[in-house]
Amino acid sequence: MKFTYTPAQVSRSRALANQAPLIIADEPTGSLSTEQGMDIVRLLRDVTRPRNRSVVIASHDQRIAEYADRVYHLQDGKVVARE
């Protein structure tokens, strides 16, 4: 059986496996179905929180905010709101 992985999948796996103290994810749900995208967001939260690791996610997907401890809204490269 042959497995094919996208570069994004490899990057996510490598960051989690290497126990990086900070994971920066740019549109981690962009190329995934809604269900798969939310699975990835939950996985990032569930794996990093107990180990006191941080995840910074840049996304246009508003649903990700539900999983965040802090949310910053940017416009034209400037912070315009913080939740």
PDB file of N, CA and C in Angstrom:
ATOM      1  N   MET A   1       0.832  -1.158   0.000  1.00  0.00           N
ATOM      2  CA  MET A   1       0.000   0.000   0.000  1.00  0.00           C
ATOM      3  C   MET A   1       0.891   1.240   0.000  1.00  0.00           C
ATOM      4  N   LYS A   2       0.597   2.194  -0.852  1.00  0.00           N
ATOM      5  CA  LYS A   2       1.371   3.419  -0.956  1.00  0.00           C
ATOM      6  C   LYS A   2       0.540   4.590  -0.425  1.00  0.00           C
ATOM      7  N   PHE A   3       1.172   5.413   0.409  1.00  0.00           N
ATOM      8  CA  PHE A   3       0.518   6.589   0.955  1.00  0.00           C
ATOM      9  C   PHE A   3       1.075   7.829   0.277  1.00  0.00           C
ATOM     10  N   THR A   4       0.225   8.762   0.013  1.00  0.00           N
ATOM     11  CA  THR A   4       0.637  10.028  -0.573  1.00  0.00           C
ATOM     12  C   THR A   4       0.225  11.139   0.384  1.00  0.00           C
ATOM     13  N   TYR A   5       1.193  11.965   0.747  1.00  0.00           N
ATOM     14  CA  TYR A   5       0.931  13.047   1.678  1.00  0.00           C
ATOM     15  C   TYR A   5       1.239  14.387   1.027  1.00  0.00           C
ATOM     16  N   THR A   6       0.464  15.388   1.366  1.00  0.00           N
ATOM     17  CA  THR A   6       0.711  16.733   0.862  1.00  0.00           C
ATOM     18  C   THR A   6       1.808  17.373   1.723  1.00  0.00           C
ATOM     19  N   PRO A   7       2.485  18.389   1.202  1.00  0.00           N
ATOM     20  CA  PRO A   7       3.484  19.088   2.024  1.00  0.00           C
ATOM     21  C   PRO A   7       2.895  19.640   3.324  1.00  0.00           C
ATOM     22  N   ALA A   8       1.642  20.100   3.281  1.00  0.00           N
ATOM     23  CA  ALA A   8       1.003  20.628   4.493  1.00  0.00           C
ATOM     24  C   ALA A   8       0.819  19.531   5.538  1.00  0.00           C
ATOM     25  N   GLN A   9       0.437  18.341   5.108  1.00  0.00           N
ATOM     26  CA  GLN A   9       0.270  17.231   6.045  1.00  0.00           C
ATOM     27  C   GLN A   9       1.600  16.853   6.677  1.00  0.00           C
ATOM     28  N   VAL A  10       2.639  16.836   5.881  1.00  0.00           N
ATOM     29  CA  VAL A  10       3.975  16.500   6.387  1.00  0.00           C
ATOM     30  C   VAL A  10       4.427  17.560   7.386  1.00  0.00           C
ATOM     31  N   SER A  11       4.198  18.832   7.084  1.00  0.00           N
ATOM     32  CA  SER A  11       4.588  19.921   7.983  1.00  0.00           C
ATOM     33  C   SER A  11       3.872  19.830   9.320  1.00  0.00           C
ATOM     34  N   ARG A  12       2.565  19.582   9.282  1.00  0.00           N
ATOM     35  CA  ARG A  12       1.806  19.453  10.537  1.00  0.00           C
ATOM     36  C   ARG A  12       2.326  18.281  11.355  1.00  0.00           C
ATOM     37  N   SER A  13       2.546  17.174  10.705  1.00  0.00           N
ATOM     38  CA  SER A  13       3.029  15.987  11.407  1.00  0.00           C
ATOM     39  C   SER A  13       4.407  16.219  12.006  1.00  0.00           C
ATOM     40  N   ARG A  14       5.276  16.857  11.250  1.00  0.00           N
ATOM     41  CA  ARG A  14       6.637  17.122  11.728  1.00  0.00           C
ATOM     42  C   ARG A  14       6.613  18.050  12.936  1.00  0.00           C
ATOM     43  N   ALA A  15       5.809  19.093  12.891  1.00  0.00           N
ATOM     44  CA  ALA A  15       5.729  20.031  14.014  1.00  0.00           C
ATOM     45  C   ALA A  15       5.238  19.338  15.280  1.00  0.00           C
ATOM     46  N   LEU A  16       4.246  18.476  15.147  1.00  0.00           N
ATOM     47  CA  LEU A  16       3.718  17.760  16.307  1.00  0.00           C
ATOM     48  C   LEU A  16       4.709  16.726  16.821  1.00  0.00           C
ATOM     49  N   ALA A  17       5.333  15.999  15.918  1.00  0.00           N
ATOM     50  CA  ALA A  17       6.273  14.947  16.314  1.00  0.00           C
ATOM     51  C   ALA A  17       7.522  15.516  16.958  1.00  0.00           C
ATOM     52  N   ASN A  18       7.987  16.661  16.473  1.00  0.00           N
ATOM     53  CA  ASN A  18       9.209  17.276  17.012  1.00  0.00           C
ATOM     54  C   ASN A  18       8.947  18.065  18.288  1.00  0.00           C
ATOM     55  N   GLN A  19       7.716  18.086  18.729  1.00  0.00           N
ATOM     56  CA  GLN A  19       7.325  18.792  19.940  1.00  0.00           C
ATOM     57  C   GLN A  19       7.784  20.245  19.916  1.00  0.00           C
ATOM     58  N   ALA A  20       7.563  20.891  18.804  1.00  0.00           N
ATOM     59  CA  ALA A  20       7.932  22.295  18.668  1.00  0.00           C
ATOM     60  C   ALA A  20       7.206  23.119  19.733  1.00  0.00           C
ATOM     61  N   PRO A  21       7.893  24.054  20.407  1.00  0.00           N
ATOM     62  CA  PRO A  21       7.225  24.859  21.432  1.00  0.00           C
ATOM     63  C   PRO A  21       6.238  25.858  20.838  1.00  0.00           C
ATOM     64  N   LEU A  22       6.421  26.189  19.559  1.00  0.00           N
ATOM     65  CA  LEU A  22       5.527  27.113  18.871  1.00  0.00           C
ATOM     66  C   LEU A  22       5.248  26.576  17.474  1.00  0.00           C
ATOM     67  N   ILE A  23       3.979  26.464  17.141  1.00  0.00           N
ATOM     68  CA  ILE A  23       3.577  26.034  15.803  1.00  0.00           C
ATOM     69  C   ILE A  23       2.869  27.209  15.145  1.00  0.00           C
ATOM     70  N   ILE A  24       3.339  27.592  13.970  1.00  0.00           N
ATOM     71  CA  ILE A  24       2.701  28.654  13.207  1.00  0.00           C
ATOM     72  C   ILE A  24       2.028  28.002  12.010  1.00  0.00           C
ATOM     73  N   ALA A  25       0.721  28.155  11.933  1.00  0.00           N
ATOM     74  CA  ALA A  25      -0.059  27.487  10.890  1.00  0.00           C
ATOM     75  C   ALA A  25      -0.779  28.535  10.037  1.00  0.00           C
ATOM     76  N   ASP A  26      -0.415  28.613   8.779  1.00  0.00           N
ATOM     77  CA  ASP A  26      -1.032  29.555   7.850  1.00  0.00           C
ATOM     78  C   ASP A  26      -2.123  28.835   7.064  1.00  0.00           C
ATOM     79  N   GLU A  27      -3.367  29.172   7.330  1.00  0.00           N
ATOM     80  CA  GLU A  27      -4.523  28.538   6.684  1.00  0.00           C
ATOM     81  C   GLU A  27      -4.454  27.006   6.751  1.00  0.00           C
ATOM     82  N   PRO A  28      -4.358  26.438   7.951  1.00  0.00           N
ATOM     83  CA  PRO A  28      -4.220  24.979   8.064  1.00  0.00           C
ATOM     84  C   PRO A  28      -5.435  24.198   7.583  1.00  0.00           C
ATOM     85  N   THR A  29      -6.569  24.864   7.428  1.00  0.00           N
ATOM     86  CA  THR A  29      -7.789  24.169   6.995  1.00  0.00           C
ATOM     87  C   THR A  29      -8.129  24.465   5.542  1.00  0.00           C
ATOM     88  N   GLY A  30      -7.302  25.251   4.875  1.00  0.00           N
ATOM     89  CA  GLY A  30      -7.606  25.757   3.537  1.00  0.00           C
ATOM     90  C   GLY A  30      -7.929  24.719   2.482  1.00  0.00           C
ATOM     91  N   SER A  31      -7.206  23.636   2.445  1.00  0.00           N
ATOM     92  CA  SER A  31      -7.410  22.653   1.379  1.00  0.00           C
ATOM     93  C   SER A  31      -8.160  21.415   1.863  1.00  0.00           C
ATOM     94  N   LEU A  32      -8.804  21.531   3.010  1.00  0.00           N
ATOM     95  CA  LEU A  32      -9.485  20.380   3.600  1.00  0.00           C
ATOM     96  C   LEU A  32     -10.993  20.581   3.599  1.00  0.00           C
ATOM     97  N   SER A  33     -11.702  19.472   3.732  1.00  0.00           N
ATOM     98  CA  SER A  33     -13.152  19.575   3.902  1.00  0.00           C
ATOM     99  C   SER A  33     -13.420  20.218   5.259  1.00  0.00           C
ATOM    100  N   THR A  34     -14.632  20.675   5.478  1.00  0.00           N
ATOM    101  CA  THR A  34     -14.997  21.307   6.741  1.00  0.00           C
ATOM    102  C   THR A  34     -14.695  20.382   7.914  1.00  0.00           C
ATOM    103  N   GLU A  35     -15.105  19.142   7.799  1.00  0.00           N
ATOM    104  CA  GLU A  35     -14.904  18.176   8.881  1.00  0.00           C
ATOM    105  C   GLU A  35     -13.420  17.928   9.132  1.00  0.00           C
ATOM    106  N   GLN A  36     -12.656  17.716   8.073  1.00  0.00           N
ATOM    107  CA  GLN A  36     -11.222  17.475   8.228  1.00  0.00           C
ATOM    108  C   GLN A  36     -10.519  18.696   8.818  1.00  0.00           C
ATOM    109  N   GLY A  37     -10.923  19.876   8.383  1.00  0.00           N
ATOM    110  CA  GLY A  37     -10.322  21.104   8.900  1.00  0.00           C
ATOM    111  C   GLY A  37     -10.527  21.263  10.389  1.00  0.00           C
ATOM    112  N   MET A  38     -11.738  21.020  10.850  1.00  0.00           N
ATOM    113  CA  MET A  38     -12.009  21.136  12.277  1.00  0.00           C
ATOM    114  C   MET A  38     -11.302  20.039  13.064  1.00  0.00           C
ATOM    115  N   ASP A  39     -11.141  18.861  12.448  1.00  0.00           N
ATOM    116  CA  ASP A  39     -10.363  17.797  13.092  1.00  0.00           C
ATOM    117  C   ASP A  39      -8.921  18.244  13.319  1.00  0.00           C
ATOM    118  N   ILE A  40      -8.349  18.927  12.343  1.00  0.00           N
ATOM    119  CA  ILE A  40      -6.967  19.409  12.466  1.00  0.00           C
ATOM    120  C   ILE A  40      -6.866  20.457  13.566  1.00  0.00           C
ATOM    121  N   VAL A  41      -7.813  21.380  13.611  1.00  0.00           N
ATOM    122  CA  VAL A  41      -7.794  22.429  14.644  1.00  0.00           C
ATOM    123  C   VAL A  41      -7.923  21.811  16.033  1.00  0.00           C
ATOM    124  N   ARG A  42      -8.831  20.862  16.188  1.00  0.00           N
ATOM    125  CA  ARG A  42      -8.984  20.178  17.483  1.00  0.00           C
ATOM    126  C   ARG A  42      -7.718  19.411  17.842  1.00  0.00           C
ATOM    127  N   LEU A  43      -7.114  18.752  16.859  1.00  0.00           N
ATOM    128  CA  LEU A  43      -5.877  18.002  17.102  1.00  0.00           C
ATOM    129  C   LEU A  43      -4.768  18.941  17.578  1.00  0.00           C
ATOM    130  N   LEU A  44      -4.598  20.057  16.899  1.00  0.00           N
ATOM    131  CA  LEU A  44      -3.577  21.023  17.314  1.00  0.00           C
ATOM    132  C   LEU A  44      -3.815  21.480  18.751  1.00  0.00           C
ATOM    133  N   ARG A  45      -5.061  21.784  19.080  1.00  0.00           N
ATOM    134  CA  ARG A  45      -5.387  22.211  20.449  1.00  0.00           C
ATOM    135  C   ARG A  45      -5.134  21.101  21.460  1.00  0.00           C
ATOM    136  N   ASP A  46      -5.640  19.907  21.165  1.00  0.00           N
ATOM    137  CA  ASP A  46      -5.557  18.809  22.120  1.00  0.00           C
ATOM    138  C   ASP A  46      -4.134  18.314  22.350  1.00  0.00           C
ATOM    139  N   VAL A  47      -3.286  18.438  21.352  1.00  0.00           N
ATOM    140  CA  VAL A  47      -1.907  17.969  21.487  1.00  0.00           C
ATOM    141  C   VAL A  47      -1.019  19.021  22.145  1.00  0.00           C
ATOM    142  N   THR A  48      -1.287  20.289  21.890  1.00  0.00           N
ATOM    143  CA  THR A  48      -0.395  21.328  22.392  1.00  0.00           C
ATOM    144  C   THR A  48      -0.761  21.849  23.777  1.00  0.00           C
ATOM    145  N   ARG A  49      -2.021  21.969  24.078  1.00  0.00           N
ATOM    146  CA  ARG A  49      -2.436  22.567  25.359  1.00  0.00           C
ATOM    147  C   ARG A  49      -1.873  21.855  26.585  1.00  0.00           C
ATOM    148  N   PRO A  50      -2.010  20.548  26.686  1.00  0.00           N
ATOM    149  CA  PRO A  50      -1.501  19.876  27.887  1.00  0.00           C
ATOM    150  C   PRO A  50       0.024  19.983  28.041  1.00  0.00           C
ATOM    151  N   ARG A  51       0.710  20.291  26.964  1.00  0.00           N
ATOM    152  CA  ARG A  51       2.179  20.359  26.987  1.00  0.00           C
ATOM    153  C   ARG A  51       2.681  21.805  27.030  1.00  0.00           C
ATOM    154  N   ASN A  52       1.764  22.744  27.282  1.00  0.00           N
ATOM    155  CA  ASN A  52       2.106  24.169  27.340  1.00  0.00           C
ATOM    156  C   ASN A  52       2.837  24.650  26.099  1.00  0.00           C
ATOM    157  N   ARG A  53       2.385  24.209  24.950  1.00  0.00           N
ATOM    158  CA  ARG A  53       2.932  24.658  23.669  1.00  0.00           C
ATOM    159  C   ARG A  53       1.928  25.620  23.048  1.00  0.00           C
ATOM    160  N   SER A  54       2.408  26.461  22.146  1.00  0.00           N
ATOM    161  CA  SER A  54       1.546  27.481  21.551  1.00  0.00           C
ATOM    162  C   SER A  54       1.338  27.231  20.068  1.00  0.00           C
ATOM    163  N   VAL A  55       0.162  27.629  19.598  1.00  0.00           N
ATOM    164  CA  VAL A  55      -0.175  27.544  18.178  1.00  0.00           C
ATOM    165  C   VAL A  55      -0.673  28.919  17.742  1.00  0.00           C
ATOM    166  N   VAL A  56      -0.082  29.438  16.694  1.00  0.00           N
ATOM    167  CA  VAL A  56      -0.552  30.680  16.078  1.00  0.00           C
ATOM    168  C   VAL A  56      -1.137  30.289  14.733  1.00  0.00           C
ATOM    169  N   ILE A  57      -2.408  30.604  14.530  1.00  0.00           N
ATOM    170  CA  ILE A  57      -3.086  30.239  13.289  1.00  0.00           C
ATOM    171  C   ILE A  57      -3.526  31.517  12.575  1.00  0.00           C
ATOM    172  N   ALA A  58      -3.135  31.634  11.327  1.00  0.00           N
ATOM    173  CA  ALA A  58      -3.633  32.708  10.460  1.00  0.00           C
ATOM    174  C   ALA A  58      -4.680  32.086   9.549  1.00  0.00           C
ATOM    175  N   SER A  59      -5.908  32.621   9.609  1.00  0.00           N
ATOM    176  CA  SER A  59      -6.975  32.006   8.834  1.00  0.00           C
ATOM    177  C   SER A  59      -8.104  32.990   8.567  1.00  0.00           C
ATOM    178  N   HIS A  60      -8.826  32.724   7.497  1.00  0.00           N
ATOM    179  CA  HIS A  60     -10.052  33.465   7.201  1.00  0.00           C
ATOM    180  C   HIS A  60     -11.273  32.716   7.743  1.00  0.00           C
ATOM    181  N   ASP A  61     -11.057  31.504   8.247  1.00  0.00           N
ATOM    182  CA  ASP A  61     -12.137  30.646   8.732  1.00  0.00           C
ATOM    183  C   ASP A  61     -12.512  31.054  10.156  1.00  0.00           C
ATOM    184  N   GLN A  62     -13.645  31.711  10.307  1.00  0.00           N
ATOM    185  CA  GLN A  62     -14.092  32.229  11.604  1.00  0.00           C
ATOM    186  C   GLN A  62     -14.352  31.129  12.641  1.00  0.00           C
ATOM    187  N   ARG A  63     -14.637  29.925  12.184  1.00  0.00           N
ATOM    188  CA  ARG A  63     -14.932  28.826  13.128  1.00  0.00           C
ATOM    189  C   ARG A  63     -13.732  28.480  13.990  1.00  0.00           C
ATOM    190  N   ILE A  64     -12.534  28.749  13.503  1.00  0.00           N
ATOM    191  CA  ILE A  64     -11.327  28.427  14.261  1.00  0.00           C
ATOM    192  C   ILE A  64     -11.273  29.232  15.556  1.00  0.00           C
ATOM    193  N   ALA A  65     -11.854  30.417  15.574  1.00  0.00           N
ATOM    194  CA  ALA A  65     -11.837  31.272  16.762  1.00  0.00           C
ATOM    195  C   ALA A  65     -12.449  30.590  17.982  1.00  0.00           C
ATOM    196  N   GLU A  66     -13.378  29.671  17.754  1.00  0.00           N
ATOM    197  CA  GLU A  66     -14.008  28.943  18.864  1.00  0.00           C
ATOM    198  C   GLU A  66     -12.994  28.153  19.684  1.00  0.00           C
ATOM    199  N   TYR A  67     -11.880  27.786  19.078  1.00  0.00           N
ATOM    200  CA  TYR A  67     -10.872  26.957  19.725  1.00  0.00           C
ATOM    201  C   TYR A  67      -9.705  27.780  20.275  1.00  0.00           C
ATOM    202  N   ALA A  68      -9.752  29.081  20.081  1.00  0.00           N
ATOM    203  CA  ALA A  68      -8.623  29.933  20.438  1.00  0.00           C
ATOM    204  C   ALA A  68      -8.763  30.534  21.832  1.00  0.00           C
ATOM    205  N   ASP A  69      -7.631  30.741  22.483  1.00  0.00           N
ATOM    206  CA  ASP A  69      -7.599  31.448  23.755  1.00  0.00           C
ATOM    207  C   ASP A  69      -7.604  32.956  23.507  1.00  0.00           C
ATOM    208  N   ARG A  70      -6.988  33.366  22.410  1.00  0.00           N
ATOM    209  CA  ARG A  70      -6.938  34.781  22.016  1.00  0.00           C
ATOM    210  C   ARG A  70      -7.154  34.883  20.524  1.00  0.00           C
ATOM    211  N   VAL A  71      -7.862  35.921  20.118  1.00  0.00           N
ATOM    212  CA  VAL A  71      -8.118  36.147  18.696  1.00  0.00           C
ATOM    213  C   VAL A  71      -7.763  37.600  18.373  1.00  0.00           C
ATOM    214  N   TYR A  72      -6.971  37.771  17.336  1.00  0.00           N
ATOM    215  CA  TYR A  72      -6.622  39.106  16.858  1.00  0.00           C
ATOM    216  C   TYR A  72      -7.138  39.236  15.430  1.00  0.00           C
ATOM    217  N   HIS A  73      -7.776  40.333  15.132  1.00  0.00           N
ATOM    218  CA  HIS A  73      -8.259  40.603  13.783  1.00  0.00           C
ATOM    219  C   HIS A  73      -7.324  41.624  13.147  1.00  0.00           C
ATOM    220  N   LEU A  74      -6.878  41.306  11.943  1.00  0.00           N
ATOM    221  CA  LEU A  74      -5.969  42.193  11.224  1.00  0.00           C
ATOM    222  C   LEU A  74      -6.659  42.788  10.012  1.00  0.00           C
ATOM    223  N   GLN A  75      -6.296  44.016   9.705  1.00  0.00           N
ATOM    224  CA  GLN A  75      -6.761  44.661   8.476  1.00  0.00           C
ATOM    225  C   GLN A  75      -5.618  45.517   7.967  1.00  0.00           C
ATOM    226  N   ASP A  76      -5.254  45.299   6.724  1.00  0.00           N
ATOM    227  CA  ASP A  76      -4.144  46.026   6.113  1.00  0.00           C
ATOM    228  C   ASP A  76      -2.871  45.936   6.960  1.00  0.00           C
ATOM    229  N   GLY A  77      -2.643  44.760   7.545  1.00  0.00           N
ATOM    230  CA  GLY A  77      -1.419  44.517   8.306  1.00  0.00           C
ATOM    231  C   GLY A  77      -1.416  45.082   9.716  1.00  0.00           C
ATOM    232  N   LYS A  78      -2.543  45.592  10.193  1.00  0.00           N
ATOM    233  CA  LYS A  78      -2.614  46.168  11.524  1.00  0.00           C
ATOM    234  C   LYS A  78      -3.698  45.474  12.340  1.00  0.00           C
ATOM    235  N   VAL A  79      -3.443  45.340  13.647  1.00  0.00           N
ATOM    236  CA  VAL A  79      -4.439  44.771  14.540  1.00  0.00           C
ATOM    237  C   VAL A  79      -5.560  45.792  14.716  1.00  0.00           C
ATOM    238  N   VAL A  80      -6.776  45.366  14.390  1.00  0.00           N
ATOM    239  CA  VAL A  80      -7.928  46.259  14.499  1.00  0.00           C
ATOM    240  C   VAL A  80      -8.899  45.839  15.603  1.00  0.00           C
ATOM    241  N   ALA A  81      -8.736  44.614  16.109  1.00  0.00           N
ATOM    242  CA  ALA A  81      -9.588  44.137  17.180  1.00  0.00           C
ATOM    243  C   ALA A  81      -8.926  42.960  17.882  1.00  0.00           C
ATOM    244  N   ARG A  82      -9.254  42.822  19.143  1.00  0.00           N
ATOM    245  CA  ARG A  82      -8.753  41.711  19.930  1.00  0.00           C
ATOM    246  C   ARG A  82      -9.895  41.164  20.775  1.00  0.00           C
ATOM    247  N   GLU A  83     -10.004  39.833  20.800  1.00  0.00           N
ATOM    248  CA  GLU A  83     -11.051  39.183  21.605  1.00  0.00           C
ATOM    249  C   GLU A  83     -10.397  38.394  22.720  1.00  0.00           C
TER     250      GLU A  83
END
